[in-house]
Amino acid sequence: MRGDGSERDILEDARLVKQVRELRRLVPAGREPCGLGELFQDAATYIEGLQVQVKVMRMLLDRIADE
């Protein structure tokens, strides 16, 4: 049962706090104070931006390779 204050619950909470802290560190906008929902949205937006950058770089490399 969750929330009974057991050692397992405390360890799971500590792991979650650590993971959220790490996500805040990795996401550029994540250092600003915000709730988890906003942090997850910022992370998703950041990942989408990275995917676009990779796609553009691949297109540029393909173009250079064709020359």
PDB file of N, CA and C in Angstrom:
ATOM      1  N   MET A   1       0.838  -1.184   0.000  1.00  0.00           N
ATOM      2  CA  MET A   1       0.000   0.000   0.000  1.00  0.00           C
ATOM      3  C   MET A   1       0.880   1.245   0.000  1.00  0.00           C
ATOM      4  N   ARG A   2       0.616   2.150  -0.904  1.00  0.00           N
ATOM      5  CA  ARG A   2       1.410   3.365  -1.046  1.00  0.00           C
ATOM      6  C   ARG A   2       0.993   4.392  -0.009  1.00  0.00           C
ATOM      7  N   GLY A   3       1.986   5.125   0.485  1.00  0.00           N
ATOM      8  CA  GLY A   3       1.682   6.219   1.387  1.00  0.00           C
ATOM      9  C   GLY A   3       1.646   5.853   2.849  1.00  0.00           C
ATOM     10  N   ASP A   4       2.081   4.660   3.194  1.00  0.00           N
ATOM     11  CA  ASP A   4       2.066   4.284   4.610  1.00  0.00           C
ATOM     12  C   ASP A   4       3.350   4.693   5.325  1.00  0.00           C
ATOM     13  N   GLY A   5       4.254   5.373   4.605  1.00  0.00           N
ATOM     14  CA  GLY A   5       5.482   5.857   5.229  1.00  0.00           C
ATOM     15  C   GLY A   5       6.550   4.798   5.385  1.00  0.00           C
ATOM     16  N   SER A   6       6.403   3.691   4.671  1.00  0.00           N
ATOM     17  CA  SER A   6       7.387   2.622   4.780  1.00  0.00           C
ATOM     18  C   SER A   6       8.714   3.071   4.177  1.00  0.00           C
ATOM     19  N   GLU A   7       9.742   2.329   4.499  1.00  0.00           N
ATOM     20  CA  GLU A   7      11.072   2.640   3.974  1.00  0.00           C
ATOM     21  C   GLU A   7      11.065   2.599   2.444  1.00  0.00           C
ATOM     22  N   ARG A   8      10.327   1.644   1.893  1.00  0.00           N
ATOM     23  CA  ARG A   8      10.237   1.527   0.433  1.00  0.00           C
ATOM     24  C   ARG A   8       9.613   2.786  -0.172  1.00  0.00           C
ATOM     25  N   ASP A   9       8.543   3.282   0.429  1.00  0.00           N
ATOM     26  CA  ASP A   9       7.898   4.511  -0.057  1.00  0.00           C
ATOM     27  C   ASP A   9       8.862   5.684  -0.002  1.00  0.00           C
ATOM     28  N   ILE A  10       9.596   5.780   1.077  1.00  0.00           N
ATOM     29  CA  ILE A  10      10.548   6.880   1.242  1.00  0.00           C
ATOM     30  C   ILE A  10      11.633   6.802   0.175  1.00  0.00           C
ATOM     31  N   LEU A  11      12.135   5.592  -0.092  1.00  0.00           N
ATOM     32  CA  LEU A  11      13.166   5.421  -1.120  1.00  0.00           C
ATOM     33  C   LEU A  11      12.624   5.744  -2.507  1.00  0.00           C
ATOM     34  N   GLU A  12      11.376   5.327  -2.789  1.00  0.00           N
ATOM     35  CA  GLU A  12      10.767   5.631  -4.079  1.00  0.00           C
ATOM     36  C   GLU A  12      10.585   7.135  -4.235  1.00  0.00           C
ATOM     37  N   ASP A  13      10.153   7.813  -3.172  1.00  0.00           N
ATOM     38  CA  ASP A  13       9.992   9.265  -3.215  1.00  0.00           C
ATOM     39  C   ASP A  13      11.339   9.944  -3.444  1.00  0.00           C
ATOM     40  N   ALA A  14      12.379   9.458  -2.787  1.00  0.00           N
ATOM     41  CA  ALA A  14      13.713  10.040  -2.948  1.00  0.00           C
ATOM     42  C   ALA A  14      14.199   9.860  -4.383  1.00  0.00           C
ATOM     43  N   ARG A  15      13.928   8.689  -4.971  1.00  0.00           N
ATOM     44  CA  ARG A  15      14.310   8.444  -6.364  1.00  0.00           C
ATOM     45  C   ARG A  15      13.561   9.381  -7.307  1.00  0.00           C
ATOM     46  N   LEU A  16      12.283   9.570  -7.052  1.00  0.00           N
ATOM     47  CA  LEU A  16      11.482  10.461  -7.888  1.00  0.00           C
ATOM     48  C   LEU A  16      11.991  11.896  -7.799  1.00  0.00           C
ATOM     49  N   VAL A  17      12.299  12.345  -6.601  1.00  0.00           N
ATOM     50  CA  VAL A  17      12.830  13.698  -6.410  1.00  0.00           C
ATOM     51  C   VAL A  17      14.142  13.850  -7.173  1.00  0.00           C
ATOM     52  N   LYS A  18      14.987  12.835  -7.099  1.00  0.00           N
ATOM     53  CA  LYS A  18      16.273  12.882  -7.803  1.00  0.00           C
ATOM     54  C   LYS A  18      16.063  12.931  -9.317  1.00  0.00           C
ATOM     55  N   GLN A  19      15.122  12.149  -9.829  1.00  0.00           N
ATOM     56  CA  GLN A  19      14.860  12.130 -11.264  1.00  0.00           C
ATOM     57  C   GLN A  19      14.290  13.463 -11.745  1.00  0.00           C
ATOM     58  N   VAL A  20      13.398  14.054 -10.962  1.00  0.00           N
ATOM     59  CA  VAL A  20      12.836  15.358 -11.329  1.00  0.00           C
ATOM     60  C   VAL A  20      13.933  16.417 -11.304  1.00  0.00           C
ATOM     61  N   ARG A  21      14.788  16.367 -10.307  1.00  0.00           N
ATOM     62  CA  ARG A  21      15.903  17.317 -10.223  1.00  0.00           C
ATOM     63  C   ARG A  21      16.800  17.183 -11.455  1.00  0.00           C
ATOM     64  N   GLU A  22      17.084  15.952 -11.865  1.00  0.00           N
ATOM     65  CA  GLU A  22      17.928  15.710 -13.039  1.00  0.00           C
ATOM     66  C   GLU A  22      17.243  16.224 -14.308  1.00  0.00           C
ATOM     67  N   LEU A  23      15.937  16.002 -14.424  1.00  0.00           N
ATOM     68  CA  LEU A  23      15.208  16.504 -15.587  1.00  0.00           C
ATOM     69  C   LEU A  23      15.257  18.025 -15.630  1.00  0.00           C
ATOM     70  N   ARG A  24      15.086  18.666 -14.484  1.00  0.00           N
ATOM     71  CA  ARG A  24      15.173  20.133 -14.424  1.00  0.00           C
ATOM     72  C   ARG A  24      16.557  20.613 -14.875  1.00  0.00           C
ATOM     73  N   ARG A  25      17.588  19.852 -14.551  1.00  0.00           N
ATOM     74  CA  ARG A  25      18.948  20.227 -14.938  1.00  0.00           C
ATOM     75  C   ARG A  25      19.151  20.084 -16.445  1.00  0.00           C
ATOM     76  N   LEU A  26      18.542  19.063 -17.046  1.00  0.00           N
ATOM     77  CA  LEU A  26      18.741  18.781 -18.465  1.00  0.00           C
ATOM     78  C   LEU A  26      17.931  19.689 -19.388  1.00  0.00           C
ATOM     79  N   VAL A  27      16.756  20.093 -18.948  1.00  0.00           N
ATOM     80  CA  VAL A  27      15.876  20.913 -19.786  1.00  0.00           C
ATOM     81  C   VAL A  27      16.226  22.378 -19.559  1.00  0.00           C
ATOM     82  N   PRO A  28      16.594  23.101 -20.638  1.00  0.00           N
ATOM     83  CA  PRO A  28      17.005  24.501 -20.461  1.00  0.00           C
ATOM     84  C   PRO A  28      16.008  25.347 -19.671  1.00  0.00           C
ATOM     85  N   ALA A  29      14.725  25.219 -19.954  1.00  0.00           N
ATOM     86  CA  ALA A  29      13.726  26.015 -19.227  1.00  0.00           C
ATOM     87  C   ALA A  29      13.372  25.376 -17.885  1.00  0.00           C
ATOM     88  N   GLY A  30      13.909  24.204 -17.612  1.00  0.00           N
ATOM     89  CA  GLY A  30      13.539  23.461 -16.414  1.00  0.00           C
ATOM     90  C   GLY A  30      14.043  24.047 -15.112  1.00  0.00           C
ATOM     91  N   ARG A  31      14.973  24.976 -15.183  1.00  0.00           N
ATOM     92  CA  ARG A  31      15.505  25.567 -13.951  1.00  0.00           C
ATOM     93  C   ARG A  31      14.568  26.612 -13.378  1.00  0.00           C
ATOM     94  N   GLU A  32      13.629  27.080 -14.200  1.00  0.00           N
ATOM     95  CA  GLU A  32      12.652  28.043 -13.709  1.00  0.00           C
ATOM     96  C   GLU A  32      11.651  27.299 -12.823  1.00  0.00           C
ATOM     97  N   PRO A  33      11.199  27.953 -11.762  1.00  0.00           N
ATOM     98  CA  PRO A  33      10.219  27.287 -10.896  1.00  0.00           C
ATOM     99  C   PRO A  33       8.925  26.999 -11.663  1.00  0.00           C
ATOM    100  N   CYS A  34       8.501  25.751 -11.660  1.00  0.00           N
ATOM    101  CA  CYS A  34       7.249  25.377 -12.310  1.00  0.00           C
ATOM    102  C   CYS A  34       6.795  24.036 -11.754  1.00  0.00           C
ATOM    103  N   GLY A  35       5.577  23.688 -12.048  1.00  0.00           N
ATOM    104  CA  GLY A  35       5.040  22.409 -11.619  1.00  0.00           C
ATOM    105  C   GLY A  35       5.526  21.284 -12.513  1.00  0.00           C
ATOM    106  N   LEU A  36       5.212  20.055 -12.118  1.00  0.00           N
ATOM    107  CA  LEU A  36       5.658  18.896 -12.890  1.00  0.00           C
ATOM    108  C   LEU A  36       5.060  18.880 -14.289  1.00  0.00           C
ATOM    109  N   GLY A  37       3.791  19.234 -14.405  1.00  0.00           N
ATOM    110  CA  GLY A  37       3.153  19.235 -15.722  1.00  0.00           C
ATOM    111  C   GLY A  37       3.860  20.163 -16.686  1.00  0.00           C
ATOM    112  N   GLU A  38       4.187  21.354 -16.211  1.00  0.00           N
ATOM    113  CA  GLU A  38       4.894  22.322 -17.051  1.00  0.00           C
ATOM    114  C   GLU A  38       6.312  21.837 -17.354  1.00  0.00           C
ATOM    115  N   LEU A  39       6.964  21.221 -16.378  1.00  0.00           N
ATOM    116  CA  LEU A  39       8.305  20.679 -16.604  1.00  0.00           C
ATOM    117  C   LEU A  39       8.271  19.604 -17.683  1.00  0.00           C
ATOM    118  N   PHE A  40       7.287  18.701 -17.612  1.00  0.00           N
ATOM    119  CA  PHE A  40       7.175  17.645 -18.616  1.00  0.00           C
ATOM    120  C   PHE A  40       6.874  18.233 -19.993  1.00  0.00           C
ATOM    121  N   GLN A  41       6.046  19.269 -20.043  1.00  0.00           N
ATOM    122  CA  GLN A  41       5.753  19.925 -21.320  1.00  0.00           C
ATOM    123  C   GLN A  41       7.014  20.585 -21.879  1.00  0.00           C
ATOM    124  N   ASP A  42       7.773  21.258 -21.015  1.00  0.00           N
ATOM    125  CA  ASP A  42       9.039  21.871 -21.446  1.00  0.00           C
ATOM    126  C   ASP A  42      10.003  20.810 -21.966  1.00  0.00           C
ATOM    127  N   ALA A  43      10.053  19.664 -21.289  1.00  0.00           N
ATOM    128  CA  ALA A  43      10.940  18.575 -21.716  1.00  0.00           C
ATOM    129  C   ALA A  43      10.511  18.048 -23.083  1.00  0.00           C
ATOM    130  N   ALA A  44       9.209  17.874 -23.278  1.00  0.00           N
ATOM    131  CA  ALA A  44       8.708  17.381 -24.565  1.00  0.00           C
ATOM    132  C   ALA A  44       9.029  18.370 -25.683  1.00  0.00           C
ATOM    133  N   THR A  45       8.834  19.652 -25.426  1.00  0.00           N
ATOM    134  CA  THR A  45       9.135  20.684 -26.417  1.00  0.00           C
ATOM    135  C   THR A  45      10.624  20.701 -26.742  1.00  0.00           C
ATOM    136  N   TYR A  46      11.451  20.558 -25.719  1.00  0.00           N
ATOM    137  CA  TYR A  46      12.902  20.536 -25.907  1.00  0.00           C
ATOM    138  C   TYR A  46      13.311  19.332 -26.756  1.00  0.00           C
ATOM    139  N   ILE A  47      12.738  18.174 -26.479  1.00  0.00           N
ATOM    140  CA  ILE A  47      13.053  16.962 -27.242  1.00  0.00           C
ATOM    141  C   ILE A  47      12.626  17.126 -28.695  1.00  0.00           C
ATOM    142  N   GLU A  48      11.441  17.695 -28.913  1.00  0.00           N
ATOM    143  CA  GLU A  48      10.990  17.936 -30.289  1.00  0.00           C
ATOM    144  C   GLU A  48      11.966  18.855 -31.019  1.00  0.00           C
ATOM    145  N   GLY A  49      12.446  19.879 -30.349  1.00  0.00           N
ATOM    146  CA  GLY A  49      13.418  20.791 -30.950  1.00  0.00           C
ATOM    147  C   GLY A  49      14.716  20.083 -31.301  1.00  0.00           C
ATOM    148  N   LEU A  50      15.169  19.215 -30.412  1.00  0.00           N
ATOM    149  CA  LEU A  50      16.389  18.450 -30.693  1.00  0.00           C
ATOM    150  C   LEU A  50      16.189  17.535 -31.894  1.00  0.00           C
ATOM    151  N   GLN A  51      15.015  16.925 -31.992  1.00  0.00           N
ATOM    152  CA  GLN A  51      14.734  16.050 -33.128  1.00  0.00           C
ATOM    153  C   GLN A  51      14.765  16.831 -34.443  1.00  0.00           C
ATOM    154  N   VAL A  52      14.232  18.033 -34.441  1.00  0.00           N
ATOM    155  CA  VAL A  52      14.263  18.876 -35.639  1.00  0.00           C
ATOM    156  C   VAL A  52      15.709  19.215 -35.995  1.00  0.00           C
ATOM    157  N   GLN A  53      16.518  19.548 -35.003  1.00  0.00           N
ATOM    158  CA  GLN A  53      17.924  19.873 -35.260  1.00  0.00           C
ATOM    159  C   GLN A  53      18.652  18.691 -35.892  1.00  0.00           C
ATOM    160  N   VAL A  54      18.404  17.495 -35.380  1.00  0.00           N
ATOM    161  CA  VAL A  54      19.042  16.296 -35.934  1.00  0.00           C
ATOM    162  C   VAL A  54      18.597  16.087 -37.377  1.00  0.00           C
ATOM    163  N   LYS A  55      17.311  16.269 -37.636  1.00  0.00           N
ATOM    164  CA  LYS A  55      16.793  16.105 -38.997  1.00  0.00           C
ATOM    165  C   LYS A  55      17.461  17.091 -39.960  1.00  0.00           C
ATOM    166  N   VAL A  56      17.593  18.340 -39.548  1.00  0.00           N
ATOM    167  CA  VAL A  56      18.229  19.357 -40.391  1.00  0.00           C
ATOM    168  C   VAL A  56      19.695  19.006 -40.630  1.00  0.00           C
ATOM    169  N   MET A  57      20.394  18.582 -39.594  1.00  0.00           N
ATOM    170  CA  MET A  57      21.808  18.217 -39.755  1.00  0.00           C
ATOM    171  C   MET A  57      21.965  17.039 -40.705  1.00  0.00           C
ATOM    172  N   ARG A  58      21.060  16.067 -40.608  1.00  0.00           N
ATOM    173  CA  ARG A  58      21.127  14.927 -41.534  1.00  0.00           C
ATOM    174  C   ARG A  58      20.899  15.376 -42.970  1.00  0.00           C
ATOM    175  N   MET A  59      19.942  16.276 -43.158  1.00  0.00           N
ATOM    176  CA  MET A  59      19.678  16.794 -44.502  1.00  0.00           C
ATOM    177  C   MET A  59      20.902  17.525 -45.046  1.00  0.00           C
ATOM    178  N   LEU A  60      21.545  18.330 -44.207  1.00  0.00           N
ATOM    179  CA  LEU A  60      22.748  19.051 -44.634  1.00  0.00           C
ATOM    180  C   LEU A  60      23.875  18.086 -44.986  1.00  0.00           C
ATOM    181  N   LEU A  61      24.054  17.065 -44.164  1.00  0.00           N
ATOM    182  CA  LEU A  61      25.100  16.075 -44.452  1.00  0.00           C
ATOM    183  C   LEU A  61      24.819  15.333 -45.746  1.00  0.00           C
ATOM    184  N   ASP A  62      23.561  14.983 -45.978  1.00  0.00           N
ATOM    185  CA  ASP A  62      23.201  14.308 -47.228  1.00  0.00           C
ATOM    186  C   ASP A  62      23.509  15.195 -48.425  1.00  0.00           C
ATOM    187  N   ARG A  63      23.231  16.469 -48.281  1.00  0.00           N
ATOM    188  CA  ARG A  63      23.488  17.416 -49.369  1.00  0.00           C
ATOM    189  C   ARG A  63      24.980  17.562 -49.637  1.00  0.00           C
ATOM    190  N   ILE A  64      25.752  17.652 -48.567  1.00  0.00           N
ATOM    191  CA  ILE A  64      27.208  17.764 -48.709  1.00  0.00           C
ATOM    192  C   ILE A  64      27.769  16.497 -49.342  1.00  0.00           C
ATOM    193  N   ALA A  65      27.258  15.349 -48.931  1.00  0.00           N
ATOM    194  CA  ALA A  65      27.744  14.075 -49.459  1.00  0.00           C
ATOM    195  C   ALA A  65      27.427  13.928 -50.944  1.00  0.00           C
ATOM    196  N   ASP A  66      26.333  14.533 -51.391  1.00  0.00           N
ATOM    197  CA  ASP A  66      25.936  14.445 -52.801  1.00  0.00           C
ATOM    198  C   ASP A  66      26.776  15.345 -53.703  1.00  0.00           C
ATOM    199  N   GLU A  67      27.471  16.315 -53.143  1.00  0.00           N
ATOM    200  CA  GLU A  67      28.262  17.255 -53.955  1.00  0.00           C
ATOM    201  C   GLU A  67      29.557  16.653 -54.417  1.00  0.00           C
TER     202      GLU A  67
END
